[in-house]
Structures are given as structure tokens and as C-alpha cells.
PDB file of N, CA and C in Angstrom:
ATOM      1  N   MET A   1     165.802  47.875 170.520  1.00  0.00           N
ATOM      2  CA  MET A   1     165.289  48.365 168.865  1.00  0.00           C
ATOM      3  C   MET A   1     166.926  49.970 169.641  1.00  0.00           C
ATOM      4  N   ALA A   2     167.306  49.813 168.357  1.00  0.00           N
ATOM      5  CA  ALA A   2     168.189  50.765 168.299  1.00  0.00           C
ATOM      6  C   ALA A   2     167.301  51.863 167.619  1.00  0.00           C
ATOM      7  N   THR A   3     167.558  52.878 167.704  1.00  0.00           N
ATOM      8  CA  THR A   3     166.435  53.896 166.571  1.00  0.00           C
ATOM      9  C   THR A   3     167.324  55.362 166.476  1.00  0.00           C
ATOM     10  N   GLN A   4     167.252  55.676 165.211  1.00  0.00           N
ATOM     11  CA  GLN A   4     168.491  56.894 164.581  1.00  0.00           C
ATOM     12  C   GLN A   4     167.629  57.959 164.703  1.00  0.00           C
ATOM     13  N   LEU A   5     167.868  59.280 164.868  1.00  0.00           N
ATOM     14  CA  LEU A   5     167.113  60.097 164.560  1.00  0.00           C
ATOM     15  C   LEU A   5     167.904  61.341 163.022  1.00  0.00           C
ATOM     16  N   ARG A   6     166.795  61.446 162.813  1.00  0.00           N
ATOM     17  CA  ARG A   6     167.703  62.046 161.225  1.00  0.00           C
ATOM     18  C   ARG A   6     166.843  63.663 161.355  1.00  0.00           C
ATOM     19  N   ARG A   7     167.661  64.508 161.076  1.00  0.00           N
ATOM     20  CA  ARG A   7     167.773  66.089 161.243  1.00  0.00           C
ATOM     21  C   ARG A   7     168.141  66.969 159.752  1.00  0.00           C
ATOM     22  N   TYR A   8     167.241  67.120 158.735  1.00  0.00           N
ATOM     23  CA  TYR A   8     167.976  67.844 157.932  1.00  0.00           C
ATOM     24  C   TYR A   8     167.548  69.262 157.611  1.00  0.00           C
ATOM     25  N   GLU A   9     168.183  70.100 157.417  1.00  0.00           N
ATOM     26  CA  GLU A   9     168.332  71.805 156.723  1.00  0.00           C
ATOM     27  C   GLU A   9     167.855  71.750 155.430  1.00  0.00           C
ATOM     28  N   VAL A  10     166.774  71.950 154.903  1.00  0.00           N
ATOM     29  CA  VAL A  10     166.465  71.624 153.548  1.00  0.00           C
ATOM     30  C   VAL A  10     166.970  73.187 152.866  1.00  0.00           C
ATOM     31  N   THR A  11     166.794  72.372 151.362  1.00  0.00           N
ATOM     32  CA  THR A  11     167.864  74.193 150.713  1.00  0.00           C
ATOM     33  C   THR A  11     166.054  75.080 150.295  1.00  0.00           C
ATOM     34  N   GLU A  12     166.834  76.275 150.310  1.00  0.00           N
ATOM     35  CA  GLU A  12     164.927  76.801 150.587  1.00  0.00           C
ATOM     36  C   GLU A  12     164.324  76.156 149.143  1.00  0.00           C
ATOM     37  N   GLY A  13     163.471  76.030 149.377  1.00  0.00           N
ATOM     38  CA  GLY A  13     162.327  75.979 148.023  1.00  0.00           C
ATOM     39  C   GLY A  13     162.450  74.596 147.629  1.00  0.00           C
ATOM     40  N   GLY A  14     163.310  73.438 148.518  1.00  0.00           N
ATOM     41  CA  GLY A  14     162.897  72.359 148.001  1.00  0.00           C
ATOM     42  C   GLY A  14     162.650  71.519 148.792  1.00  0.00           C
ATOM     43  N   MET A  15     161.533  71.429 149.872  1.00  0.00           N
ATOM     44  CA  MET A  15     160.939  70.476 150.715  1.00  0.00           C
ATOM     45  C   MET A  15     160.448  69.732 150.057  1.00  0.00           C
ATOM     46  N   ASP A  16     159.692  70.202 148.810  1.00  0.00           N
ATOM     47  CA  ASP A  16     158.758  68.780 148.314  1.00  0.00           C
ATOM     48  C   ASP A  16     159.523  68.076 147.721  1.00  0.00           C
ATOM     49  N   ARG A  17     160.591  68.226 147.376  1.00  0.00           N
ATOM     50  CA  ARG A  17     161.417  67.446 146.719  1.00  0.00           C
ATOM     51  C   ARG A  17     162.006  66.100 148.180  1.00  0.00           C
ATOM     52  N   VAL A  18     162.344  67.078 149.140  1.00  0.00           N
ATOM     53  CA  VAL A  18     162.858  66.121 149.559  1.00  0.00           C
ATOM     54  C   VAL A  18     161.930  65.362 150.486  1.00  0.00           C
ATOM     55  N   VAL A  19     160.786  65.475 150.939  1.00  0.00           N
ATOM     56  CA  VAL A  19     159.322  64.651 150.932  1.00  0.00           C
ATOM     57  C   VAL A  19     159.061  63.518 150.063  1.00  0.00           C
ATOM     58  N   GLU A  20     159.351  63.746 148.910  1.00  0.00           N
ATOM     59  CA  GLU A  20     159.532  63.112 147.631  1.00  0.00           C
ATOM     60  C   GLU A  20     160.414  61.394 148.277  1.00  0.00           C
ATOM     61  N   VAL A  21     161.408  62.413 147.841  1.00  0.00           N
ATOM     62  CA  VAL A  21     162.593  61.429 147.815  1.00  0.00           C
ATOM     63  C   VAL A  21     161.912  60.658 149.173  1.00  0.00           C
ATOM     64  N   TRP A  22     161.871  61.243 150.091  1.00  0.00           N
ATOM     65  CA  TRP A  22     161.385  60.252 151.457  1.00  0.00           C
ATOM     66  C   TRP A  22     160.853  59.363 151.339  1.00  0.00           C
ATOM     67  N   LYS A  23     159.813  59.781 151.002  1.00  0.00           N
ATOM     68  CA  LYS A  23     158.498  58.521 150.753  1.00  0.00           C
ATOM     69  C   LYS A  23     158.987  57.143 150.028  1.00  0.00           C
ATOM     70  N   SER A  24     159.990  57.725 149.234  1.00  0.00           N
ATOM     71  CA  SER A  24     160.383  56.434 148.531  1.00  0.00           C
ATOM     72  C   SER A  24     161.621  55.104 149.506  1.00  0.00           C
ATOM     73  N   ILE A  25     162.668  56.546 150.156  1.00  0.00           N
ATOM     74  CA  ILE A  25     162.759  56.071 151.130  1.00  0.00           C
ATOM     75  C   ILE A  25     162.461  55.220 152.762  1.00  0.00           C
ATOM     76  N   ALA A  26     161.437  55.690 152.503  1.00  0.00           N
ATOM     77  CA  ALA A  26     160.728  55.383 153.711  1.00  0.00           C
ATOM     78  C   ALA A  26     160.330  53.535 153.647  1.00  0.00           C
ATOM     79  N   ALA A  27     159.949  53.629 152.108  1.00  0.00           N
ATOM     80  CA  ALA A  27     159.020  52.465 151.264  1.00  0.00           C
ATOM     81  C   ALA A  27     160.340  51.126 151.345  1.00  0.00           C
ATOM     82  N   VAL A  28     161.814  51.753 150.836  1.00  0.00           N
ATOM     83  CA  VAL A  28     162.768  50.773 151.237  1.00  0.00           C
ATOM     84  C   VAL A  28     162.870  50.195 152.193  1.00  0.00           C
ATOM     85  N   ARG A  29     163.351  51.024 153.626  1.00  0.00           N
ATOM     86  CA  ARG A  29     163.251  51.035 154.655  1.00  0.00           C
ATOM     87  C   ARG A  29     162.672  49.921 155.190  1.00  0.00           C
ATOM     88  N   ARG A  30     161.430  50.023 155.322  1.00  0.00           N
ATOM     89  CA  ARG A  30     160.395  49.515 154.779  1.00  0.00           C
ATOM     90  C   ARG A  30     160.647  47.692 155.088  1.00  0.00           C
ATOM     91  N   GLN A  31     160.946  47.513 153.548  1.00  0.00           N
ATOM     92  CA  GLN A  31     161.057  46.543 152.712  1.00  0.00           C
ATOM     93  C   GLN A  31     162.230  45.714 153.821  1.00  0.00           C
ATOM     94  N   TYR A  32     163.292  46.289 154.087  1.00  0.00           N
ATOM     95  CA  TYR A  32     164.200  46.321 154.711  1.00  0.00           C
ATOM     96  C   TYR A  32     164.071  45.682 156.096  1.00  0.00           C
ATOM     97  N   GLY A  33     162.843  46.332 156.541  1.00  0.00           N
ATOM     98  CA  GLY A  33     162.353  45.275 158.355  1.00  0.00           C
ATOM     99  C   GLY A  33     162.625  46.632 159.056  1.00  0.00           C
ATOM    100  N   PHE A  34     162.830  47.977 158.710  1.00  0.00           N
ATOM    101  CA  PHE A  34     162.522  48.943 159.617  1.00  0.00           C
ATOM    102  C   PHE A  34     161.843  49.672 159.513  1.00  0.00           C
ATOM    103  N   THR A  35     161.406  49.983 161.288  1.00  0.00           N
ATOM    104  CA  THR A  35     160.295  50.913 161.593  1.00  0.00           C
ATOM    105  C   THR A  35     160.564  52.383 161.156  1.00  0.00           C
ATOM    106  N   VAL A  36     159.393  53.041 160.309  1.00  0.00           N
ATOM    107  CA  VAL A  36     159.839  54.568 160.699  1.00  0.00           C
ATOM    108  C   VAL A  36     158.601  55.196 161.391  1.00  0.00           C
ATOM    109  N   GLU A  37     159.433  55.464 162.636  1.00  0.00           N
ATOM    110  CA  GLU A  37     158.693  56.018 163.690  1.00  0.00           C
ATOM    111  C   GLU A  37     157.644  57.560 163.614  1.00  0.00           C
ATOM    112  N   PHE A  38     158.803  58.424 162.880  1.00  0.00           N
ATOM    113  CA  PHE A  38     157.627  59.538 162.863  1.00  0.00           C
ATOM    114  C   PHE A  38     158.239  59.936 161.576  1.00  0.00           C
ATOM    115  N   ALA A  39     157.997  61.141 160.729  1.00  0.00           N
ATOM    116  CA  ALA A  39     158.654  62.417 159.932  1.00  0.00           C
ATOM    117  C   ALA A  39     157.441  63.502 160.239  1.00  0.00           C
ATOM    118  N   TYR A  40     158.096  64.422 159.860  1.00  0.00           N
ATOM    119  CA  TYR A  40     157.851  66.536 160.513  1.00  0.00           C
ATOM    120  C   TYR A  40     158.411  66.587 159.573  1.00  0.00           C
ATOM    121  N   VAL A  41     157.815  67.454 159.294  1.00  0.00           N
ATOM    122  CA  VAL A  41     158.143  68.448 158.429  1.00  0.00           C
ATOM    123  C   VAL A  41     157.716  70.270 159.125  1.00  0.00           C
ATOM    124  N   ASP A  42     158.752  71.193 159.013  1.00  0.00           N
ATOM    125  CA  ASP A  42     159.080  72.410 159.597  1.00  0.00           C
ATOM    126  C   ASP A  42     159.250  73.650 158.958  1.00  0.00           C
ATOM    127  N   ARG A  43     158.437  74.051 157.625  1.00  0.00           N
ATOM    128  CA  ARG A  43     158.007  74.444 156.503  1.00  0.00           C
ATOM    129  C   ARG A  43     158.717  76.092 156.953  1.00  0.00           C
ATOM    130  N   LYS A  44     158.570  76.484 157.889  1.00  0.00           N
ATOM    131  CA  LYS A  44     158.775  77.627 158.141  1.00  0.00           C
ATOM    132  C   LYS A  44     160.309  77.713 158.198  1.00  0.00           C
ATOM    133  N   ARG A  45     160.583  76.691 158.939  1.00  0.00           N
ATOM    134  CA  ARG A  45     162.458  76.715 159.576  1.00  0.00           C
ATOM    135  C   ARG A  45     163.264  75.744 158.270  1.00  0.00           C
ATOM    136  N   ASN A  46     162.233  75.094 157.250  1.00  0.00           N
ATOM    137  CA  ASN A  46     163.514  74.342 155.925  1.00  0.00           C
ATOM    138  C   ASN A  46     164.278  72.414 157.094  1.00  0.00           C
ATOM    139  N   GLU A  47     162.646  72.621 158.274  1.00  0.00           N
ATOM    140  CA  GLU A  47     163.338  71.721 158.365  1.00  0.00           C
ATOM    141  C   GLU A  47     162.919  70.148 158.498  1.00  0.00           C
ATOM    142  N   PHE A  48     163.379  69.269 157.674  1.00  0.00           N
ATOM    143  CA  PHE A  48     162.674  67.782 157.931  1.00  0.00           C
ATOM    144  C   PHE A  48     163.848  67.103 158.926  1.00  0.00           C
ATOM    145  N   VAL A  49     162.271  66.106 159.870  1.00  0.00           N
ATOM    146  CA  VAL A  49     162.984  65.360 160.980  1.00  0.00           C
ATOM    147  C   VAL A  49     162.183  63.891 161.002  1.00  0.00           C
ATOM    148  N   TRP A  50     162.701  62.412 160.922  1.00  0.00           N
ATOM    149  CA  TRP A  50     162.506  61.886 160.751  1.00  0.00           C
ATOM    150  C   TRP A  50     163.343  60.582 161.957  1.00  0.00           C
ATOM    151  N   ALA A  51     162.595  59.642 161.937  1.00  0.00           N
ATOM    152  CA  ALA A  51     163.721  58.640 163.538  1.00  0.00           C
ATOM    153  C   ALA A  51     162.528  57.403 162.774  1.00  0.00           C
ATOM    154  N   VAL A  52     163.593  56.681 162.744  1.00  0.00           N
ATOM    155  CA  VAL A  52     163.637  55.381 161.850  1.00  0.00           C
ATOM    156  C   VAL A  52     164.333  54.261 162.917  1.00  0.00           C
ATOM    157  N   SER A  53     164.252  52.664 162.967  1.00  0.00           N
ATOM    158  CA  SER A  53     164.267  52.229 163.991  1.00  0.00           C
ATOM    159  C   SER A  53     164.294  50.391 163.599  1.00  0.00           C
ATOM    160  N   HIS A  54     165.270  49.847 164.165  1.00  0.00           N
ATOM    161  CA  HIS A  54     165.319  48.431 163.448  1.00  0.00           C
ATOM    162  C   HIS A  54     166.062  47.659 164.944  1.00  0.00           C
ATOM    163  N   PRO A  55     165.827  46.151 165.360  1.00  0.00           N
ATOM    164  CA  PRO A  55     166.339  45.507 166.126  1.00  0.00           C
ATOM    165  C   PRO A  55     167.551  45.050 166.454  1.00  0.00           C
ATOM    166  N   ASP A  56     167.834  45.144 165.124  1.00  0.00           N
ATOM    167  CA  ASP A  56     169.689  44.595 164.786  1.00  0.00           C
ATOM    168  C   ASP A  56     170.100  45.592 163.536  1.00  0.00           C
ATOM    169  N   TRP A  57     170.555  46.671 164.407  1.00  0.00           N
ATOM    170  CA  TRP A  57     170.523  48.133 163.582  1.00  0.00           C
ATOM    171  C   TRP A  57     172.031  48.242 162.254  1.00  0.00           C
ATOM    172  N   GLU A  58     172.912  47.493 163.058  1.00  0.00           N
ATOM    173  CA  GLU A  58     174.055  47.595 162.336  1.00  0.00           C
ATOM    174  C   GLU A  58     174.186  46.930 161.245  1.00  0.00           C
ATOM    175  N   LYS A  59     173.578  45.001 161.365  1.00  0.00           N
ATOM    176  CA  LYS A  59     173.219  44.599 160.163  1.00  0.00           C
ATOM    177  C   LYS A  59     172.272  44.648 158.633  1.00  0.00           C
ATOM    178  N   ALA A  60     170.940  45.422 159.560  1.00  0.00           N
ATOM    179  CA  ALA A  60     170.073  45.788 158.748  1.00  0.00           C
ATOM    180  C   ALA A  60     170.489  46.936 157.417  1.00  0.00           C
ATOM    181  N   SER A  61     171.640  47.867 158.193  1.00  0.00           N
ATOM    182  CA  SER A  61     171.835  49.168 158.006  1.00  0.00           C
ATOM    183  C   SER A  61     172.650  48.892 156.688  1.00  0.00           C
ATOM    184  N   ALA A  62     173.397  47.249 157.170  1.00  0.00           N
ATOM    185  CA  ALA A  62     174.379  47.358 155.796  1.00  0.00           C
ATOM    186  C   ALA A  62     174.128  46.395 154.315  1.00  0.00           C
ATOM    187  N   ILE A  63     173.268  45.865 155.171  1.00  0.00           N
ATOM    188  CA  ILE A  63     172.514  45.368 153.769  1.00  0.00           C
ATOM    189  C   ILE A  63     171.400  46.480 152.942  1.00  0.00           C
ATOM    190  N   TYR A  64     171.111  47.591 153.939  1.00  0.00           N
ATOM    191  CA  TYR A  64     169.993  48.160 153.433  1.00  0.00           C
ATOM    192  C   TYR A  64     171.000  49.496 152.323  1.00  0.00           C
ATOM    193  N   ASP A  65     172.070  49.722 153.241  1.00  0.00           N
ATOM    194  CA  ASP A  65     173.344  50.646 152.506  1.00  0.00           C
ATOM    195  C   ASP A  65     173.608  50.250 150.974  1.00  0.00           C
ATOM    196  N   HIS A  66     173.796  49.440 150.722  1.00  0.00           N
ATOM    197  CA  HIS A  66     174.181  48.728 149.452  1.00  0.00           C
ATOM    198  C   HIS A  66     173.050  47.602 148.512  1.00  0.00           C
ATOM    199  N   SER A  67     171.781  48.214 148.906  1.00  0.00           N
ATOM    200  CA  SER A  67     170.815  47.882 148.470  1.00  0.00           C
ATOM    201  C   SER A  67     170.398  48.458 147.305  1.00  0.00           C
ATOM    202  N   PRO A  68     170.014  47.233 145.989  1.00  0.00           N
ATOM    203  CA  PRO A  68     169.570  48.540 144.605  1.00  0.00           C
ATOM    204  C   PRO A  68     168.779  49.039 144.854  1.00  0.00           C
ATOM    205  N   GLU A  69     167.727  48.943 145.511  1.00  0.00           N
ATOM    206  CA  GLU A  69     166.705  49.679 145.900  1.00  0.00           C
ATOM    207  C   GLU A  69     167.105  51.456 146.064  1.00  0.00           C
ATOM    208  N   ARG A  70     167.901  50.925 147.288  1.00  0.00           N
ATOM    209  CA  ARG A  70     168.509  52.708 147.511  1.00  0.00           C
ATOM    210  C   ARG A  70     168.987  53.220 146.746  1.00  0.00           C
ATOM    211  N   ALA A  71     170.267  52.814 145.784  1.00  0.00           N
ATOM    212  CA  ALA A  71     170.961  52.914 144.924  1.00  0.00           C
ATOM    213  C   ALA A  71     169.643  53.819 143.763  1.00  0.00           C
ATOM    214  N   ALA A  72     169.164  52.933 143.284  1.00  0.00           N
ATOM    215  CA  ALA A  72     168.420  53.805 142.661  1.00  0.00           C
ATOM    216  C   ALA A  72     167.424  54.872 142.746  1.00  0.00           C
ATOM    217  N   ILE A  73     167.312  55.216 144.228  1.00  0.00           N
ATOM    218  CA  ILE A  73     166.339  56.620 144.782  1.00  0.00           C
ATOM    219  C   ILE A  73     167.948  57.567 144.676  1.00  0.00           C
ATOM    220  N   PHE A  74     168.025  57.275 144.714  1.00  0.00           N
ATOM    221  CA  PHE A  74     169.450  58.209 144.319  1.00  0.00           C
ATOM    222  C   PHE A  74     170.867  58.883 143.081  1.00  0.00           C
ATOM    223  N   ALA A  75     169.797  57.741 142.120  1.00  0.00           N
ATOM    224  CA  ALA A  75     170.775  57.733 140.823  1.00  0.00           C
ATOM    225  C   ALA A  75     169.817  59.508 140.067  1.00  0.00           C
ATOM    226  N   ASP A  76     169.424  59.918 140.445  1.00  0.00           N
ATOM    227  CA  ASP A  76     169.384  61.489 140.079  1.00  0.00           C
ATOM    228  C   ASP A  76     169.914  62.417 140.753  1.00  0.00           C
ATOM    229  N   GLY A  77     171.147  61.110 142.120  1.00  0.00           N
ATOM    230  CA  GLY A  77     171.511  63.122 142.949  1.00  0.00           C
ATOM    231  C   GLY A  77     170.898  63.076 144.586  1.00  0.00           C
ATOM    232  N   PRO A  78     171.557  63.738 144.797  1.00  0.00           N
ATOM    233  CA  PRO A  78     170.652  63.402 146.381  1.00  0.00           C
ATOM    234  C   PRO A  78     169.775  64.705 146.225  1.00  0.00           C
ATOM    235  N   PRO A  79     168.753  64.558 147.031  1.00  0.00           N
ATOM    236  CA  PRO A  79     167.898  65.554 147.643  1.00  0.00           C
ATOM    237  C   PRO A  79     168.447  66.639 148.083  1.00  0.00           C
ATOM    238  N   PRO A  80     167.882  68.084 147.937  1.00  0.00           N
ATOM    239  CA  PRO A  80     168.353  69.255 148.234  1.00  0.00           C
ATOM    240  C   PRO A  80     168.295  69.784 149.947  1.00  0.00           C
ATOM    241  N   ILE A  81     169.489  69.379 150.162  1.00  0.00           N
ATOM    242  CA  ILE A  81     169.597  68.844 151.879  1.00  0.00           C
ATOM    243  C   ILE A  81     170.583  70.042 151.908  1.00  0.00           C
ATOM    244  N   ASP A  82     171.073  70.869 152.595  1.00  0.00           N
ATOM    245  CA  ASP A  82     172.208  71.589 153.433  1.00  0.00           C
ATOM    246  C   ASP A  82     172.479  71.244 154.375  1.00  0.00           C
ATOM    247  N   ARG A  83     172.386  70.342 155.329  1.00  0.00           N
ATOM    248  CA  ARG A  83     172.920  69.536 156.266  1.00  0.00           C
ATOM    249  C   ARG A  83     172.153  68.918 156.642  1.00  0.00           C
ATOM    250  N   ALA A  84     172.913  67.768 157.270  1.00  0.00           N
ATOM    251  CA  ALA A  84     172.211  66.507 157.985  1.00  0.00           C
ATOM    252  C   ALA A  84     172.613  66.291 159.103  1.00  0.00           C
ATOM    253  N   THR A  85     172.084  66.774 160.096  1.00  0.00           N
ATOM    254  CA  THR A  85     172.386  65.788 161.520  1.00  0.00           C
ATOM    255  C   THR A  85     172.016  64.594 161.963  1.00  0.00           C
ATOM    256  N   ILE A  86     172.449  63.114 162.004  1.00  0.00           N
ATOM    257  CA  ILE A  86     172.319  62.377 161.933  1.00  0.00           C
ATOM    258  C   ILE A  86     172.842  61.050 163.119  1.00  0.00           C
ATOM    259  N   THR A  87     171.981  60.811 164.501  1.00  0.00           N
ATOM    260  CA  THR A  87     172.053  60.565 165.409  1.00  0.00           C
ATOM    261  C   THR A  87     171.565  59.330 166.292  1.00  0.00           C
ATOM    262  N   MET A  88     172.109  58.642 166.517  1.00  0.00           N
ATOM    263  CA  MET A  88     171.567  57.127 166.944  1.00  0.00           C
ATOM    264  C   MET A  88     170.355  57.569 168.687  1.00  0.00           C
ATOM    265  N   VAL A  89     169.711  57.486 168.692  1.00  0.00           N
ATOM    266  CA  VAL A  89     168.921  58.413 170.311  1.00  0.00           C
ATOM    267  C   VAL A  89     168.240  56.862 171.280  1.00  0.00           C
ATOM    268  N   GLU A  90     167.823  57.115 172.584  1.00  0.00           N
ATOM    269  CA  GLU A  90     167.182  55.845 172.956  1.00  0.00           C
ATOM    270  C   GLU A  90     166.278  56.883 173.894  1.00  0.00           C
ATOM    271  N   PRO A  91     165.131  56.513 174.531  1.00  0.00           N
ATOM    272  CA  PRO A  91     163.977  56.328 174.711  1.00  0.00           C
ATOM    273  C   PRO A  91     164.658  56.867 176.118  1.00  0.00           C
ATOM    274  N   VAL A  92     163.033  57.933 176.590  1.00  0.00           N
ATOM    275  CA  VAL A  92     163.595  58.283 177.949  1.00  0.00           C
ATOM    276  C   VAL A  92     162.536  57.500 178.870  1.00  0.00           C
ATOM    277  N   GLU A  93     162.619  56.693 179.905  1.00  0.00           N
ATOM    278  CA  GLU A  93     162.029  56.073 180.516  1.00  0.00           C
ATOM    279  C   GLU A  93     161.055  56.645 182.197  1.00  0.00           C
TER     280      GLU A  93
END
């Protein structure tokens, strides 16, 4: 299972919008077979952190990235994120 960790530094005052957009993203990801592992908000630091996984990451991502559902989410522009750090991670056993 491939897992991606996504960490966002959110624009001051933009957390509610990021969470709203994320809920739509999570629903579409699930529709395309992804598993949302967790999502957390650190309001004190204006950070939003979440992880998403899929057994065939490359294939599923290619389909999801070009899906009309994903495009519709971002039709009004991107959410208020100042910086995103996105990496593939693996569990520690």
C-alpha cells in the first residue's frame, strides 16, 4: 500500500475553507478507491495534515488527477494554502 502524507501551511484565516475543500477532495478520493488514513487541523499553527493511500498509487492518481470531479472542486480556484509539503511515506514496523 502506498501512502502519501500531505502537510499544508494554511493562510491566516483560511482554515475553514481548507477543511471545506478537503471534505470534497476526500469524498472524490474515496470514490476513486483511495483510503483517507487521517486528517488533523492544528489551528494554533495554521496547519492541516492528512494522509491518503492506495494499493496502486500511480494508476489511481493518474485517473484521479484528471477526473472531472476533481476539476470541479478547484473550479473556483485553489484553497488558501501558503505552502504544501507532499511526500510518500512508509510505516515503521
